[in-house]
Amino acid sequence: MLHQVMQRVGLKHWVSWLFVLGLSILLWLSWVSPAWANDYTKEILLNADFSGKDLTDASFTKANLKNSTFKGSNLSGVSFFGANLEDTNLEGVNLSVATLDSARLVQANLTNAILEGAFVYSAQFQGAIITGADFSDVDLTDTVQAALCKVAEGTNPTTGRNTRETLNCG
């Protein structure tokens, strides 16, 4: 039967039809499955749950993520530039080489987070929980570093690095 249909419409048209059908299915799946999306720029995602997801290189630039959770997620290379991460749960996340410039991490939970090589210029950390967080190779202003050193404690269970040492608290 399939052979007869292919002979009637011609092989070229059959291949074209399959390509269009496949592309249509992919577009539909990307619309119905937000987990496939990589760009959350300027989205309002209050109380969103991204727990345990691999969001490598995703963009949350200027997104409002207040009260959201990313617990245990891979956020390596993610852009949170100018994002509102107030009261956000970032416990045990990998934020290596992530961009947190101008992000608002007020009262965020960064327990056991890895921020190695992250860009955090002008980020706000007031009231953030940083127990066991790894700040290796993170450039901080003297004011932010001093404030974080006042509350720094613990050792990151993944990297084995002491939080105070990674912040160069002295």
Foldseek 3Di string as FASTA:
>chain_A
DVVVVCVVVDVVVVVVVVVVVVVVVVVVCVVVDVLPDQECDQPEQEQAEQDQHENELGEPDQYEHDNYEHHQYEHDNYECHLYECDCYECACYEDDQYEQDNYECALYECALYEHANHEHHNYHHHNYHQAQYALANYDDPPVVLQVCLVRFAHHRPPPRHGRNVNSVVD
